[in-house]
Amino acid sequence: MTLSPLRWLAKFQHGGIANQFFMALMVTIPVLNFGMLMGWQSPMTPILQSIDGPAPEPISDETISWMASITFFPSIFCGVLVGDLADRWGRKTTTMLTSLMLVISWSITLFSLRPWALIASRAVAGLACAGCYVVTPLYLKEIASDKIRGALGSLFILVQNLGYLVVYVAGDVLSFAAVMWICTAIPVLHLLVFLAMPETPVFLVKQGKVKEARVALAWLRNTSVEDKNLEDEVQQMEREEEYAQSMEKASWKSLFKDKNTFQAFRISLNVMLSQETCGYLVVLMYAGSIFDQASQSISLKLSPNKQTIVVGVIQLLGSIVASCIVEKTGRKWLLAGTSLATGLSMLGLGAWFYVTSLGGWLPGWLPVLAMCLCIFSDAAGYQPVPYVITSELFSFQHRGMVTSIVSSVDALSDFLQTKAYDPMLKLLGIHWVFIFFSVICFLGTLYTVLYVPETKDRSVEEIYAILEDGRKKVKRKDIEKGKEVSRL
């Protein structure tokens, strides 16, 4: 039986789902613009390297390489700083600072297209990168009700991929100057509009502003401040804050001291590293070559810009699927399934390049299919789910610190991958590079199945109880093995 439009709207408004999605979209606009910034280089590189282009002189390959990698470099060192700012100044202020960094980054490029300006612009964008990857997942987690926590968390990657696609299409149909002004206008408008957005209720409770937290939460849940369920949720936040105050202040020492917290930190770090080192960046870099190779065997003639648009559409479709199914499948099995699919597609790409390098024949559609599967699977779970899991594994006391640490490690991984890509290619050959990344994906799948708990619809206390129960089972097995050995 289908719902009428009015009944569907009423259902969507129930529990403030519409308000929460609206707030989530507002929070992720800096991520949208950062995705545009990252994707901008693909359609604009041929223009910047053209003799008749807008740059005073054609931009060299070395400068383009530094533009691609320098974005991640500041995030290595600034991730922890941004996490500390988010805990001190609030999620709202830090999100606005992220947009400000994006405005400065785009403004530098508007001012000059000389190599130093292009690299400097990307370095400033690295500060925004730290803001996006640290603050946005925290904001999304802390405004979401339990039943849509995963869907809102996965919006992070969906909106980023939308940014890629928007700039790909804009670069194909608009002038260079028009694209630049659109990209600059978005964070400017966000800065102005976001002034009216509320701080997260969790942070307000931490600051002792319980009344303000109740008002913000009432708007997010589309209810009155006297609502009993709302009061229960506020009281739960207050209990968590009281517990956090009674504990040792969040620090490296406290992170390692508590067994449950440290195990959660290891899980978070491992799933994020598996995601960041799965070779996704290499597939995106090599997409044009894969399309070119396929065009020699099958009728597939696409311009470079059209190729990037196809990649952007596949990314966006995968992200939409992730947002739709993450609450039904749960986090664990969606992550395991998509990491396995990504690994199989990487293995297919490696096998195709290996066989063809030896003079053998495999169908030209195989690498295109493998590439599309890799991009789709990665966007449908392997990219967004680790962010959701990381935000759900920790209380407010450790959430900001852990997210910032993991973000810094991820940024280091991205920086090394983008700079080491060409040397690895020359040393090993593209086939072994893809096979190496497939092994990482398979190891990530195995680790997820064996060690990652399901966090869907569970509080931090319930998740830690599962982790503790798992350690007890391992300990009992070790004791039983010890007894058997002693009998022998």
Protein backbone atom coordinates (compact mmCIF):
# COMPACT_ATOMS: atom_id res chain seq x y z
CA MET A 1 0.00 0.00 0.00
CA THR A 2 1.52 3.33 -1.04
CA LEU A 3 1.55 6.38 1.21
CA SER A 4 -0.17 9.55 0.06
CA PRO A 5 2.14 12.59 -0.23
CA LEU A 6 0.71 14.10 2.97
CA ARG A 7 1.12 10.88 4.96
CA TRP A 8 4.64 10.45 3.59
CA LEU A 9 5.49 14.02 4.63
CA ALA A 10 4.04 13.43 8.10
CA LYS A 11 6.12 10.29 8.45
CA PHE A 12 9.24 12.16 7.32
CA GLN A 13 8.57 14.92 9.87
CA HIS A 14 7.99 12.42 12.71
CA GLY A 15 10.88 12.57 15.13
CA GLY A 16 12.32 15.60 13.35
CA ILE A 17 13.85 13.55 10.54
CA ALA A 18 13.39 16.44 8.09
CA ASN A 19 15.06 18.90 10.47
CA GLN A 20 17.95 16.53 11.10
CA PHE A 21 18.53 15.96 7.38
CA PHE A 22 18.36 19.70 6.74
CA MET A 23 20.89 20.32 9.50
CA ALA A 24 23.10 17.51 8.17
CA LEU A 25 23.06 19.06 4.69
CA MET A 26 24.05 22.44 6.16
CA VAL A 27 26.87 20.84 8.13
CA THR A 28 28.22 19.02 5.07
CA ILE A 29 28.34 22.01 2.69
CA PRO A 30 32.07 22.54 3.51
CA VAL A 31 32.58 18.88 2.60
CA LEU A 32 30.72 19.48 -0.69
CA ASN A 33 33.03 22.41 -1.44
CA PHE A 34 36.12 20.42 -0.44
CA GLY A 35 35.01 17.68 -2.85
CA MET A 36 34.73 20.34 -5.54
CA LEU A 37 38.22 21.57 -4.66
CA MET A 38 39.67 18.06 -4.93
CA GLY A 39 37.79 17.32 -8.16
CA TRP A 40 38.60 20.74 -9.69
CA GLN A 41 42.12 19.65 -10.58
CA SER A 42 40.96 16.93 -12.98
CA PRO A 43 39.06 19.03 -15.57
CA MET A 44 41.23 22.11 -15.02
CA THR A 45 44.70 20.54 -15.40
CA PRO A 46 44.61 20.49 -19.26
CA ILE A 47 43.47 24.13 -19.21
CA LEU A 48 46.22 25.18 -16.78
CA GLN A 49 48.88 23.35 -18.84
CA SER A 50 47.70 24.85 -22.12
CA ILE A 51 49.80 27.58 -23.75
CA ASP A 52 46.61 29.56 -24.38
CA GLY A 53 45.24 28.89 -20.87
CA PRO A 54 44.44 31.44 -18.14
CA ALA A 55 47.72 30.84 -16.26
CA PRO A 56 50.60 33.28 -16.96
CA GLU A 57 52.68 30.26 -17.98
CA PRO A 58 51.79 26.59 -18.58
CA ILE A 59 51.77 24.70 -15.28
CA SER A 60 54.32 21.88 -15.08
CA ASP A 61 53.62 18.25 -14.15
CA GLU A 62 55.71 18.72 -11.00
CA THR A 63 53.47 21.57 -9.83
CA ILE A 64 50.36 19.49 -10.58
CA SER A 65 51.84 16.64 -8.53
CA TRP A 66 52.45 18.94 -5.57
CA MET A 67 48.96 20.38 -5.88
CA ALA A 68 47.54 16.85 -5.57
CA SER A 69 49.61 15.86 -2.54
CA ILE A 70 50.11 19.07 -0.53
CA THR A 71 46.41 19.20 0.36
CA PHE A 72 46.87 16.28 2.74
CA PHE A 73 50.13 17.51 4.29
CA PRO A 74 48.76 20.18 6.73
CA SER A 75 46.10 17.71 7.91
CA ILE A 76 48.85 15.43 9.23
CA PHE A 77 49.76 18.03 11.85
CA CYS A 78 46.50 19.99 12.17
CA GLY A 79 44.10 17.10 12.74
CA VAL A 80 44.77 16.98 16.49
CA LEU A 81 44.62 20.80 16.71
CA VAL A 82 41.23 20.88 14.96
CA GLY A 83 39.91 18.18 17.29
CA ASP A 84 41.02 20.24 20.29
CA LEU A 85 39.37 23.38 18.85
CA ALA A 86 36.14 21.44 18.30
CA ASP A 87 36.15 20.41 21.97
CA ARG A 88 37.04 23.90 23.22
CA TRP A 89 35.19 26.26 20.86
CA GLY A 90 32.42 23.96 19.70
CA ARG A 91 31.46 22.10 16.54
CA LYS A 92 29.67 25.13 15.04
CA THR A 93 32.59 27.56 15.32
CA THR A 94 35.08 25.01 13.98
CA THR A 95 32.79 24.23 11.02
CA MET A 96 32.64 27.94 10.20
CA LEU A 97 36.44 28.15 10.41
CA THR A 98 36.55 25.29 7.89
CA SER A 99 34.44 27.32 5.46
CA LEU A 100 36.68 30.34 6.06
CA MET A 101 39.75 28.30 5.08
CA LEU A 102 37.96 27.25 1.89
CA VAL A 103 37.15 30.89 1.09
CA ILE A 104 40.82 31.83 1.54
CA SER A 105 41.96 28.87 -0.57
CA TRP A 106 39.70 29.72 -3.52
CA SER A 107 40.52 33.44 -3.17
CA ILE A 108 44.25 32.77 -3.59
CA THR A 109 43.54 30.94 -6.86
CA LEU A 110 41.29 33.81 -8.00
CA PHE A 111 44.10 36.25 -7.23
CA SER A 112 46.87 34.36 -9.03
CA LEU A 113 47.39 31.21 -11.12
CA ARG A 114 51.16 31.14 -10.75
CA PRO A 115 52.65 27.88 -9.43
CA TRP A 116 53.35 29.28 -5.94
CA ALA A 117 49.74 30.49 -5.63
CA LEU A 118 48.25 27.18 -6.79
CA ILE A 119 50.36 25.23 -4.27
CA ALA A 120 49.68 27.76 -1.49
CA SER A 121 45.95 27.54 -2.21
CA ARG A 122 46.07 23.77 -1.82
CA ALA A 123 48.08 24.05 1.40
CA VAL A 124 45.39 26.30 2.92
CA ALA A 125 42.79 23.81 1.70
CA GLY A 126 44.64 21.22 3.79
CA LEU A 127 43.46 23.09 6.89
CA ALA A 128 39.90 22.82 5.58
CA CYS A 129 40.54 19.12 4.93
CA ALA A 130 41.33 18.62 8.62
CA GLY A 131 38.15 20.48 9.54
CA CYS A 132 35.99 18.42 7.20
CA TYR A 133 37.33 15.03 8.26
CA VAL A 134 37.41 15.75 12.00
CA VAL A 135 34.44 18.02 12.79
CA THR A 136 31.81 16.93 10.26
CA PRO A 137 31.53 13.29 11.45
CA LEU A 138 31.27 14.56 15.05
CA TYR A 139 28.56 17.08 14.16
CA LEU A 140 26.55 14.48 12.23
CA LYS A 141 26.73 11.95 15.05
CA GLU A 142 25.72 14.42 17.74
CA ILE A 143 22.63 15.79 15.96
CA ALA A 144 21.26 12.43 14.77
CA SER A 145 18.68 10.27 16.51
CA ASP A 146 19.63 6.60 16.83
CA LYS A 147 17.34 5.37 14.03
CA ILE A 148 19.00 7.53 11.34
CA ARG A 149 22.52 7.82 12.82
CA GLY A 150 24.10 5.69 10.11
CA ALA A 151 22.22 7.38 7.27
CA LEU A 152 23.30 10.85 8.40
CA GLY A 153 26.86 9.66 9.02
CA SER A 154 27.14 8.28 5.48
CA LEU A 155 26.07 11.67 4.06
CA PHE A 156 29.65 12.77 4.66
CA ILE A 157 31.01 10.75 1.72
CA LEU A 158 27.83 11.19 -0.36
CA VAL A 159 28.12 14.99 -0.29
CA GLN A 160 31.86 14.86 -0.96
CA ASN A 161 31.25 12.70 -4.04
CA LEU A 162 28.47 15.07 -5.11
CA GLY A 163 31.08 17.85 -4.97
CA TYR A 164 33.32 15.85 -7.30
CA LEU A 165 30.49 15.36 -9.79
CA VAL A 166 29.32 18.99 -9.66
CA VAL A 167 32.77 20.32 -10.53
CA TYR A 168 33.29 17.65 -13.22
CA VAL A 169 30.07 18.71 -14.96
CA ALA A 170 30.71 22.42 -14.39
CA GLY A 171 34.23 22.07 -15.84
CA ASP A 172 32.77 20.47 -18.95
CA VAL A 173 30.03 23.02 -19.66
CA LEU A 174 31.18 26.31 -18.06
CA SER A 175 34.15 28.60 -18.51
CA PHE A 176 37.19 28.49 -16.23
CA ALA A 177 36.26 31.80 -14.58
CA ALA A 178 32.63 30.77 -14.01
CA VAL A 179 33.69 27.57 -12.25
CA MET A 180 36.10 29.53 -10.03
CA TRP A 181 33.46 32.04 -8.94
CA ILE A 182 30.88 29.32 -8.21
CA CYS A 183 33.38 27.37 -6.12
CA THR A 184 34.28 30.51 -4.15
CA ALA A 185 30.69 31.62 -3.61
CA ILE A 186 29.58 28.38 -1.92
CA PRO A 187 31.68 28.66 1.29
CA VAL A 188 30.99 32.42 1.47
CA LEU A 189 27.24 31.79 1.48
CA HIS A 190 27.67 28.94 3.94
CA LEU A 191 29.49 31.20 6.39
CA LEU A 192 26.59 33.65 6.36
CA VAL A 193 23.77 31.10 6.58
CA PHE A 194 25.44 28.85 9.16
CA LEU A 195 25.37 31.67 11.72
CA ALA A 196 21.69 30.77 12.26
CA MET A 197 22.36 27.05 12.81
CA PRO A 198 22.42 25.56 16.34
CA GLU A 199 25.38 24.07 18.17
CA THR A 200 25.15 20.32 18.91
CA PRO A 201 23.13 19.52 22.06
CA VAL A 202 25.94 17.28 23.32
CA PHE A 203 28.47 20.13 23.27
CA LEU A 204 25.99 22.53 24.92
CA VAL A 205 25.47 20.04 27.77
CA LYS A 206 29.24 19.76 28.13
CA GLN A 207 29.35 23.57 28.51
CA GLY A 208 26.65 23.47 31.17
CA LYS A 209 24.11 25.14 28.85
CA VAL A 210 21.38 22.56 29.44
CA LYS A 211 18.52 24.94 28.62
CA GLU A 212 20.05 25.83 25.25
CA ALA A 213 20.74 22.14 24.62
CA ARG A 214 17.08 21.34 25.27
CA VAL A 215 15.94 24.03 22.80
CA ALA A 216 18.37 22.85 20.10
CA LEU A 217 17.36 19.22 20.60
CA ALA A 218 13.65 20.12 20.51
CA TRP A 219 14.14 21.72 17.08
CA LEU A 220 16.15 18.76 15.80
CA ARG A 221 13.49 16.29 17.01
CA ASN A 222 10.59 18.55 15.88
CA THR A 223 8.96 18.53 19.31
CA SER A 224 8.42 20.80 22.32
CA VAL A 225 10.92 21.37 25.11
CA GLU A 226 8.46 19.72 27.54
CA ASP A 227 8.40 16.42 25.61
CA LYS A 228 9.17 13.47 27.92
CA ASN A 229 11.32 11.63 25.36
CA LEU A 230 13.30 14.82 24.83
CA GLU A 231 13.88 15.16 28.57
CA ASP A 232 15.04 11.54 28.75
CA GLU A 233 17.55 12.21 25.96
CA VAL A 234 18.88 15.34 27.68
CA GLN A 235 19.21 13.47 30.98
CA GLN A 236 21.16 10.73 29.19
CA MET A 237 23.56 13.39 27.87
CA GLU A 238 23.92 14.82 31.38
CA ARG A 239 24.68 11.37 32.83
CA GLU A 240 27.32 10.78 30.15
CA GLU A 241 28.87 14.17 30.91
CA GLU A 242 28.86 13.49 34.67
CA TYR A 243 30.52 10.14 34.04
CA ALA A 244 33.10 11.83 31.81
CA GLN A 245 33.79 14.42 34.51
CA SER A 246 34.31 11.68 37.10
CA MET A 247 36.82 9.96 34.85
CA GLU A 248 40.35 11.04 34.08
CA LYS A 249 40.50 13.88 31.55
CA ALA A 250 40.70 12.64 27.96
CA SER A 251 44.36 12.24 27.02
CA TRP A 252 46.74 9.78 25.41
CA LYS A 253 47.14 8.19 28.86
CA SER A 254 43.42 7.70 29.40
CA LEU A 255 43.06 6.37 25.86
CA PHE A 256 45.55 3.57 26.55
CA LYS A 257 44.62 3.04 30.22
CA ASP A 258 41.07 1.78 29.72
CA LYS A 259 41.02 -1.57 27.92
CA ASN A 260 37.68 -1.02 26.19
CA THR A 261 38.59 2.47 24.97
CA PHE A 262 41.99 1.30 23.73
CA GLN A 263 40.45 -1.66 21.90
CA ALA A 264 37.89 0.66 20.31
CA PHE A 265 40.74 2.98 19.28
CA ARG A 266 42.60 0.07 17.64
CA ILE A 267 39.46 -0.97 15.76
CA SER A 268 38.83 2.60 14.59
CA LEU A 269 42.43 3.06 13.46
CA ASN A 270 42.54 -0.27 11.62
CA VAL A 271 39.28 0.17 9.70
CA MET A 272 40.24 3.72 8.71
CA LEU A 273 43.73 2.67 7.59
CA SER A 274 42.27 -0.22 5.60
CA GLN A 275 39.92 2.24 3.91
CA GLU A 276 42.62 4.81 3.17
CA THR A 277 45.22 2.32 1.87
CA CYS A 278 42.86 0.22 -0.27
CA GLY A 279 44.12 1.83 -3.50
CA TYR A 280 40.99 3.85 -4.24
CA LEU A 281 43.08 6.93 -5.03
CA VAL A 282 45.18 4.92 -7.51
CA VAL A 283 42.05 3.70 -9.32
CA LEU A 284 40.83 7.29 -9.68
CA MET A 285 44.25 8.39 -10.94
CA TYR A 286 44.38 5.53 -13.45
CA ALA A 287 40.73 5.80 -14.60
CA GLY A 288 41.66 7.69 -17.78
CA SER A 289 44.23 5.07 -18.75
CA ILE A 290 41.71 2.28 -18.14
CA PHE A 291 39.16 3.99 -20.38
CA ASP A 292 41.85 4.49 -23.07
CA GLN A 293 42.92 0.84 -22.91
CA ALA A 294 39.29 -0.30 -23.15
CA SER A 295 38.62 1.96 -26.15
CA GLN A 296 41.19 -0.04 -28.13
CA SER A 297 39.15 -3.22 -27.68
CA ILE A 298 35.55 -2.04 -27.47
CA SER A 299 33.58 0.88 -28.85
CA LEU A 300 34.07 3.26 -25.95
CA LYS A 301 35.12 6.73 -27.03
CA LEU A 302 34.90 9.28 -24.24
CA SER A 303 36.66 12.60 -23.82
CA PRO A 304 38.72 12.99 -20.61
CA ASN A 305 36.03 15.23 -19.10
CA LYS A 306 33.29 12.72 -19.93
CA GLN A 307 35.38 9.99 -18.32
CA THR A 308 35.60 11.92 -15.06
CA ILE A 309 31.85 12.58 -15.17
CA VAL A 310 31.19 8.82 -15.52
CA VAL A 311 33.44 8.20 -12.51
CA GLY A 312 31.62 10.92 -10.54
CA VAL A 313 28.20 9.45 -11.33
CA ILE A 314 29.30 5.98 -10.16
CA GLN A 315 30.70 7.47 -6.93
CA LEU A 316 27.49 9.34 -6.25
CA LEU A 317 25.30 6.30 -6.95
CA GLY A 318 27.38 4.23 -4.54
CA SER A 319 27.07 6.91 -1.86
CA ILE A 320 23.28 7.07 -2.32
CA VAL A 321 23.08 3.29 -1.91
CA ALA A 322 25.15 3.52 1.30
CA SER A 323 22.82 6.14 2.81
CA CYS A 324 19.76 4.03 1.93
CA ILE A 325 20.92 0.64 3.23
CA VAL A 326 23.32 1.35 6.12
CA GLU A 327 20.47 1.29 8.68
CA LYS A 328 19.16 -2.02 7.28
CA THR A 329 22.39 -3.96 6.78
CA GLY A 330 24.21 -2.64 9.82
CA ARG A 331 27.75 -1.26 9.80
CA LYS A 332 29.80 -4.43 10.13
CA TRP A 333 28.48 -6.48 7.22
CA LEU A 334 28.17 -3.51 4.86
CA LEU A 335 31.83 -2.72 5.52
CA ALA A 336 32.87 -6.36 5.11
CA GLY A 337 30.87 -6.84 1.90
CA THR A 338 32.07 -3.67 0.20
CA SER A 339 35.72 -4.21 1.18
CA LEU A 340 35.52 -7.72 -0.29
CA ALA A 341 33.97 -6.40 -3.52
CA THR A 342 36.65 -3.68 -3.73
CA GLY A 343 39.36 -6.31 -3.26
CA LEU A 344 37.93 -8.54 -5.98
CA SER A 345 37.75 -5.60 -8.41
CA MET A 346 41.36 -4.65 -7.58
CA LEU A 347 42.40 -8.24 -8.22
CA GLY A 348 40.53 -8.19 -11.55
CA LEU A 349 42.35 -5.00 -12.59
CA GLY A 350 45.71 -6.46 -11.58
CA ALA A 351 45.04 -9.69 -13.47
CA TRP A 352 43.98 -7.82 -16.63
CA PHE A 353 47.06 -5.61 -16.68
CA TYR A 354 49.34 -8.57 -15.88
CA VAL A 355 47.96 -10.80 -18.65
CA THR A 356 47.97 -8.03 -21.25
CA SER A 357 51.56 -7.03 -20.30
CA LEU A 358 52.63 -10.58 -21.19
CA GLY A 359 50.96 -10.33 -24.60
CA GLY A 360 47.89 -12.32 -23.61
CA TRP A 361 44.30 -11.35 -24.28
CA LEU A 362 41.42 -10.54 -21.97
CA PRO A 363 38.24 -8.69 -22.98
CA GLY A 364 38.55 -4.89 -23.00
CA TRP A 365 35.37 -4.47 -20.98
CA LEU A 366 36.88 -6.35 -18.01
CA PRO A 367 38.99 -3.47 -16.59
CA VAL A 368 36.12 -1.00 -17.08
CA LEU A 369 33.74 -3.33 -15.22
CA ALA A 370 36.32 -3.92 -12.46
CA MET A 371 37.00 -0.20 -12.15
CA CYS A 372 33.29 0.64 -11.95
CA LEU A 373 32.74 -2.08 -9.33
CA CYS A 374 35.69 -0.77 -7.31
CA ILE A 375 34.46 2.83 -7.37
CA PHE A 376 30.86 1.84 -6.61
CA SER A 377 31.74 -0.58 -3.77
CA ASP A 378 34.12 1.87 -2.18
CA ALA A 379 31.50 4.65 -2.18
CA ALA A 380 28.71 2.28 -1.09
CA GLY A 381 30.40 1.26 2.15
CA TYR A 382 34.18 1.05 2.27
CA GLN A 383 34.54 4.87 2.38
CA PRO A 384 31.60 6.05 4.57
CA VAL A 385 31.15 3.22 7.08
CA PRO A 386 34.51 3.62 8.91
CA TYR A 387 33.57 7.25 9.69
CA VAL A 388 30.22 6.08 11.09
CA ILE A 389 31.86 3.34 13.18
CA THR A 390 34.53 5.70 14.54
CA SER A 391 31.92 8.25 15.66
CA GLU A 392 29.88 5.51 17.39
CA LEU A 393 32.72 3.76 19.22
CA PHE A 394 33.50 6.59 21.66
CA SER A 395 31.85 8.80 24.23
CA PHE A 396 32.02 12.58 23.97
CA GLN A 397 35.07 12.50 26.24
CA HIS A 398 37.26 10.74 23.64
CA ARG A 399 35.35 11.20 20.38
CA GLY A 400 36.99 14.44 19.26
CA MET A 401 40.51 13.38 20.22
CA VAL A 402 40.28 9.96 18.53
CA THR A 403 38.71 11.37 15.36
CA SER A 404 41.49 13.96 15.09
CA ILE A 405 44.24 11.38 15.63
CA VAL A 406 42.76 9.00 13.07
CA SER A 407 42.28 11.89 10.64
CA SER A 408 45.96 12.84 10.94
CA VAL A 409 47.06 9.27 10.28
CA ASP A 410 44.73 9.08 7.26
CA ALA A 411 46.10 12.35 5.89
CA LEU A 412 49.64 11.00 6.18
CA SER A 413 48.55 7.88 4.31
CA ASP A 414 46.94 9.93 1.51
CA PHE A 415 50.00 12.18 1.22
CA LEU A 416 52.38 9.22 0.95
CA GLN A 417 50.13 7.44 -1.58
CA THR A 418 49.90 10.43 -3.91
CA LYS A 419 53.66 11.04 -3.77
CA ALA A 420 54.67 7.35 -3.92
CA TYR A 421 52.27 6.43 -6.74
CA ASP A 422 54.68 7.11 -9.64
CA PRO A 423 57.73 5.44 -7.98
CA MET A 424 55.63 2.36 -7.12
CA LEU A 425 54.31 2.25 -10.67
CA LYS A 426 57.82 2.32 -12.14
CA LEU A 427 59.25 -0.15 -9.62
CA LEU A 428 56.50 -2.79 -9.53
CA GLY A 429 54.31 -2.20 -12.57
CA ILE A 430 50.64 -1.29 -12.39
CA HIS A 431 49.51 -4.94 -12.17
CA TRP A 432 51.43 -5.62 -8.94
CA VAL A 433 50.25 -2.31 -7.47
CA PHE A 434 46.61 -3.37 -7.95
CA ILE A 435 47.27 -6.88 -6.63
CA PHE A 436 48.98 -5.39 -3.55
CA PHE A 437 45.94 -3.21 -2.87
CA SER A 438 43.60 -6.18 -3.32
CA VAL A 439 45.47 -8.00 -0.54
CA ILE A 440 44.94 -4.98 1.75
CA CYS A 441 41.20 -5.07 0.97
CA PHE A 442 40.98 -8.81 1.74
CA LEU A 443 42.85 -8.33 5.02
CA GLY A 444 40.43 -5.51 5.85
CA THR A 445 37.49 -7.83 5.18
CA LEU A 446 38.94 -10.53 7.44
CA TYR A 447 39.64 -8.04 10.22
CA THR A 448 36.11 -6.63 10.01
CA VAL A 449 34.50 -10.06 10.26
CA LEU A 450 36.67 -11.16 13.18
CA TYR A 451 37.11 -8.06 15.31
CA VAL A 452 34.74 -5.19 14.41
CA PRO A 453 31.55 -5.12 16.54
CA GLU A 454 28.16 -4.13 15.16
CA THR A 455 27.48 -0.56 16.37
CA LYS A 456 24.02 -0.06 14.83
CA ASP A 457 21.39 0.96 17.42
CA ARG A 458 23.85 0.44 20.28
CA SER A 459 25.11 2.85 22.90
CA VAL A 460 28.80 3.17 23.74
CA GLU A 461 28.21 1.17 26.93
CA GLU A 462 26.58 -1.69 24.99
CA ILE A 463 29.42 -1.72 22.43
CA TYR A 464 32.07 -1.82 25.18
CA ALA A 465 30.19 -4.68 26.88
CA ILE A 466 30.50 -6.66 23.62
CA LEU A 467 34.24 -5.89 23.43
CA GLU A 468 34.75 -6.93 27.05
CA ASP A 469 32.77 -10.13 26.55
CA GLY A 470 34.97 -10.94 23.54
CA ARG A 471 38.13 -10.53 25.60
CA LYS A 472 36.72 -12.78 28.32
CA LYS A 473 35.97 -15.50 25.76
CA VAL A 474 39.53 -15.30 24.43
CA LYS A 475 40.88 -15.45 27.97
CA ARG A 476 38.75 -18.53 28.77
CA LYS A 477 40.03 -20.25 25.62
CA ASP A 478 43.63 -19.49 26.62
CA ILE A 479 43.00 -20.95 30.10
CA GLU A 480 41.42 -24.08 28.63
CA LYS A 481 44.36 -24.53 26.25
CA GLY A 482 46.75 -24.09 29.18
CA LYS A 483 44.93 -26.81 31.13
CA GLU A 484 45.07 -29.18 28.16
CA VAL A 485 48.80 -28.60 27.77
CA SER A 486 49.40 -29.18 31.51
CA ARG A 487 47.51 -32.50 31.31
CA LEU A 488 49.80 -33.64 28.54
